[in-house]
Structure formats: C-alpha cells, structure tokens
Amino acid sequence: MTTIKIIPDTTQSTVVKTVLTAGQPAPTPTAVRWSPTFQATGLTFTGTNSTYPTYNSYYVKSGQLVSFWIYVNMTTVTNFGTGQFKVDLPYPPIDSTSNHFNGWVWVNPSLPADDLNGHIQVVADHISGSQTLDFHWLQATTSNPKPIIESILSQGSPVTLTTASRLYVNGTYITAS
C-alpha cells in the first residue's frame, strides 16, 4: 500500500504542499537551459539564440522549489543604456514574497578579481508580485553609523561595463505553482 502524506504550510496566503510517497524515489530534477530577459533603459545588443546575453543560464524546478543560475555575457552589447540592469526569474515567486539573491559582476576578466575594476558584489531582488530581478550594488551611506545600503546598478554606477564584462546571480526560491 502506498502512503501519501500532505503537509500544508499555513504560514503563507497560498498553500504550499509537499507530497511524499512511501517507498517511491523522488523524481530527479533536471537542469534546464533558458535565456531570461536582460533589460535596462536604452540597453541594446545584437545577440540572439546562442549569442543572447543570458543564453547560458540554468534552473532546476522540483515541485514549487526553483534553484537558478543566471549568467549575463556582455559580448554582444552595443549600448549599455542608462537604466538599472534587470533580468527575469524562470517562474513567478509565490505571492506576498520579496527575495534578495547574491551575485557579482566581473567588470574586466583581464584584471585580478580583487581589483576595483576586477569584480564587485551585487544584490538582485524583486518586489512582491514581480518576476523581474533588479540589480543593485552595495555601498556605505554618509550617515553615522554607516550602514550598507543598495544603490541602483547601471552603466557607470559604480563601474563602467564593457563587452568583456560578465554578470552572475543565483539563488533558490518558492514558486507560485
């Protein structure tokens, strides 16, 4: 006899269910290549298909849990624009959540990663009800004490990106379905 156990999560407005079947192995999640939308005001690039800037991005979905790795290769960018850099998650997050994910920008791969123009740490987040991640860099405020705050990541703030630059972000979140 197969036993199914359903565990509701009553802490969310949407019910999250975990179904376990005794004696049955869990399905093996598979990495899926996908190209999330890469955008910013004025951003243009020539890449399509395998040369699209986010072509080598991946996600794994198991039930409502999604782990993702987004890689943005700037090789085909012709204009970095003036707006905040953004990418989309593979699935909409569960209602009433806002997530923050760590990432980094390798500004100039020909320099050591620890030099200022080598790489910077960034944060990607979304507001409740959105599937779009906004990129920010971390900086100290002028107030005292000096907490670390987010500032919009755009061309020239805090670094100037080139076609050699790379942007990475990864994380795990719960989907709406």
Protein backbone atom coordinates (compact mmCIF):
# COMPACT_ATOMS: atom_id res chain seq x y z
CA MET A 1 0.00 0.00 0.00
CA THR A 2 1.32 3.46 -0.94
CA THR A 3 1.03 6.14 1.70
CA ILE A 4 0.78 9.80 0.72
CA LYS A 5 1.45 12.46 3.32
CA ILE A 6 0.39 16.05 2.62
CA ILE A 7 1.92 18.77 4.76
CA PRO A 8 0.20 22.18 4.37
CA ASP A 9 2.17 25.32 5.12
CA THR A 10 -0.25 27.60 6.95
CA THR A 11 2.25 30.48 7.20
CA GLN A 12 1.60 31.67 3.62
CA SER A 13 -1.51 33.03 1.95
CA THR A 14 -1.06 30.35 -0.71
CA VAL A 15 -0.86 26.74 0.47
CA VAL A 16 2.45 25.02 -0.18
CA LYS A 17 2.15 21.24 -0.27
CA THR A 18 4.83 18.62 0.00
CA VAL A 19 3.75 15.19 -1.18
CA LEU A 20 5.83 12.23 -0.07
CA THR A 21 5.16 8.73 -1.31
CA ALA A 22 6.48 5.94 0.87
CA GLY A 23 8.75 3.54 -0.99
CA GLN A 24 8.97 5.73 -4.10
CA PRO A 25 12.09 7.71 -5.02
CA ALA A 26 11.59 11.41 -5.57
CA PRO A 27 11.73 12.47 -9.22
CA THR A 28 15.19 13.55 -10.31
CA PRO A 29 15.18 17.27 -11.12
CA THR A 30 16.98 18.22 -14.34
CA ALA A 31 18.86 21.41 -15.14
CA VAL A 32 17.15 23.37 -17.90
CA ARG A 33 18.95 25.96 -20.04
CA TRP A 34 16.92 29.12 -20.55
CA SER A 35 17.54 32.71 -21.58
CA PRO A 36 15.94 35.16 -19.15
CA THR A 37 15.10 38.62 -20.45
CA PHE A 38 18.02 41.03 -19.93
CA GLN A 39 16.94 44.67 -19.90
CA ALA A 40 17.70 48.28 -18.97
CA THR A 41 16.56 51.63 -20.36
CA GLY A 42 18.49 52.14 -23.62
CA LEU A 43 20.22 48.72 -23.48
CA THR A 44 20.78 47.19 -26.93
CA PHE A 45 22.60 44.08 -28.12
CA THR A 46 22.92 42.04 -31.29
CA GLY A 47 22.93 38.57 -29.73
CA THR A 48 20.18 36.03 -30.45
CA ASN A 49 19.79 32.34 -29.66
CA SER A 50 23.21 31.04 -28.51
CA THR A 51 24.71 34.57 -28.53
CA TYR A 52 21.85 36.14 -26.49
CA PRO A 53 23.50 37.66 -23.38
CA THR A 54 21.79 35.25 -20.92
CA TYR A 55 21.93 32.10 -23.12
CA ASN A 56 23.99 30.01 -20.67
CA SER A 57 21.61 30.41 -17.71
CA TYR A 58 20.05 27.41 -15.97
CA TYR A 59 17.35 26.49 -13.48
CA VAL A 60 16.13 23.34 -11.75
CA LYS A 61 12.50 23.06 -10.62
CA SER A 62 11.33 20.45 -8.14
CA GLY A 63 7.73 20.95 -7.11
CA GLN A 64 7.45 24.59 -6.08
CA LEU A 65 11.16 24.94 -5.35
CA VAL A 66 13.36 26.58 -8.02
CA SER A 67 17.14 26.98 -7.97
CA PHE A 68 18.60 29.18 -10.69
CA TRP A 69 21.92 30.43 -12.03
CA ILE A 70 21.86 33.44 -14.37
CA TYR A 71 24.91 34.31 -16.44
CA VAL A 72 24.92 37.53 -18.48
CA ASN A 73 27.68 37.69 -21.09
CA MET A 74 28.05 41.28 -22.37
CA THR A 75 29.92 40.32 -25.58
CA THR A 76 27.11 41.36 -27.94
CA VAL A 77 26.00 44.52 -26.06
CA THR A 78 26.18 47.55 -28.37
CA ASN A 79 24.78 50.13 -25.91
CA PHE A 80 24.67 49.66 -22.13
CA GLY A 81 21.96 52.29 -21.78
CA THR A 82 21.27 54.47 -18.75
CA GLY A 83 18.81 52.41 -16.70
CA GLN A 84 19.00 49.82 -13.97
CA PHE A 85 20.03 46.34 -15.17
CA LYS A 86 17.31 43.68 -14.79
CA VAL A 87 16.68 40.01 -15.56
CA ASP A 88 13.65 37.75 -15.14
CA LEU A 89 13.26 34.70 -12.91
CA PRO A 90 12.20 31.45 -14.63
CA TYR A 91 8.88 31.24 -12.69
CA PRO A 92 6.79 33.76 -10.74
CA PRO A 93 7.58 33.67 -6.99
CA ILE A 94 4.89 32.74 -4.51
CA ASP A 95 2.51 35.59 -3.62
CA SER A 96 3.47 38.12 -0.96
CA THR A 97 7.21 37.42 -1.12
CA SER A 98 10.21 39.56 -1.92
CA ASN A 99 13.57 37.85 -2.31
CA HIS A 100 17.20 39.00 -2.35
CA PHE A 101 19.86 36.99 -4.17
CA ASN A 102 23.64 37.41 -4.18
CA GLY A 103 25.58 38.00 -7.34
CA TRP A 104 28.67 39.63 -8.73
CA VAL A 105 29.91 41.47 -11.78
CA TRP A 106 33.24 40.57 -13.32
CA VAL A 107 33.91 44.00 -14.77
CA ASN A 108 37.16 43.17 -16.53
CA PRO A 109 38.17 39.49 -16.69
CA SER A 110 41.73 40.50 -17.71
CA LEU A 111 42.26 42.04 -14.23
CA PRO A 112 42.56 40.13 -10.94
CA ALA A 113 39.08 39.66 -9.45
CA ASP A 114 40.04 41.57 -6.28
CA ASP A 115 40.95 44.84 -8.05
CA LEU A 116 38.22 47.53 -8.10
CA ASN A 117 37.61 47.01 -11.79
CA GLY A 118 38.08 43.26 -11.41
CA HIS A 119 34.73 42.48 -9.78
CA ILE A 120 32.04 43.89 -7.50
CA GLN A 121 29.39 42.20 -5.38
CA VAL A 122 25.78 42.88 -6.27
CA VAL A 123 22.32 42.01 -4.99
CA ALA A 124 19.35 41.14 -7.20
CA ASP A 125 15.85 41.47 -5.75
CA HIS A 126 12.21 41.61 -6.76
CA ILE A 127 9.17 43.16 -5.16
CA SER A 128 6.06 41.19 -4.26
CA GLY A 129 4.11 40.20 -7.36
CA SER A 130 7.07 40.63 -9.75
CA GLN A 131 9.19 38.07 -11.60
CA THR A 132 11.82 40.70 -12.54
CA LEU A 133 15.07 40.97 -10.60
CA ASP A 134 16.53 44.48 -10.21
CA PHE A 135 20.32 44.69 -9.75
CA HIS A 136 21.91 46.81 -7.02
CA TRP A 137 25.45 47.33 -5.76
CA LEU A 138 26.26 47.74 -2.09
CA GLN A 139 27.68 50.97 -0.65
CA ALA A 140 28.15 52.69 2.70
CA THR A 141 25.85 55.62 3.45
CA THR A 142 27.06 59.04 4.54
CA SER A 143 25.10 58.81 7.81
CA ASN A 144 26.72 57.83 11.09
CA PRO A 145 26.91 54.92 11.74
CA LYS A 146 27.49 53.98 8.13
CA PRO A 147 25.16 51.09 7.26
CA ILE A 148 25.48 49.28 3.95
CA ILE A 149 22.65 50.12 1.53
CA GLU A 150 21.70 49.19 -2.03
CA SER A 151 22.28 51.55 -4.94
CA ILE A 152 20.97 51.01 -8.48
CA LEU A 153 23.39 49.12 -10.74
CA SER A 154 23.55 50.87 -14.11
CA GLN A 155 26.25 51.74 -16.62
CA GLY A 156 28.89 53.86 -14.85
CA SER A 157 27.43 53.29 -11.36
CA PRO A 158 29.67 52.19 -9.71
CA VAL A 159 31.75 50.84 -12.62
CA THR A 160 31.79 51.07 -16.41
CA LEU A 161 30.94 47.77 -18.06
CA THR A 162 32.40 46.68 -21.40
CA THR A 163 31.75 43.86 -23.82
CA ALA A 164 34.26 41.83 -21.75
CA SER A 165 32.12 42.17 -18.59
CA ARG A 166 30.07 39.33 -17.06
CA LEU A 167 27.21 39.40 -14.54
CA TYR A 168 26.22 36.43 -12.35
CA VAL A 169 23.37 35.81 -9.89
CA ASN A 170 21.99 32.64 -8.36
CA GLY A 171 19.52 31.57 -5.72
CA THR A 172 16.61 29.38 -4.66
CA TYR A 173 13.01 30.44 -4.09
CA ILE A 174 9.44 29.10 -3.87
CA THR A 175 7.24 29.47 -6.96
CA ALA A 176 3.56 30.33 -7.15
CA SER A 177 2.76 26.91 -8.64
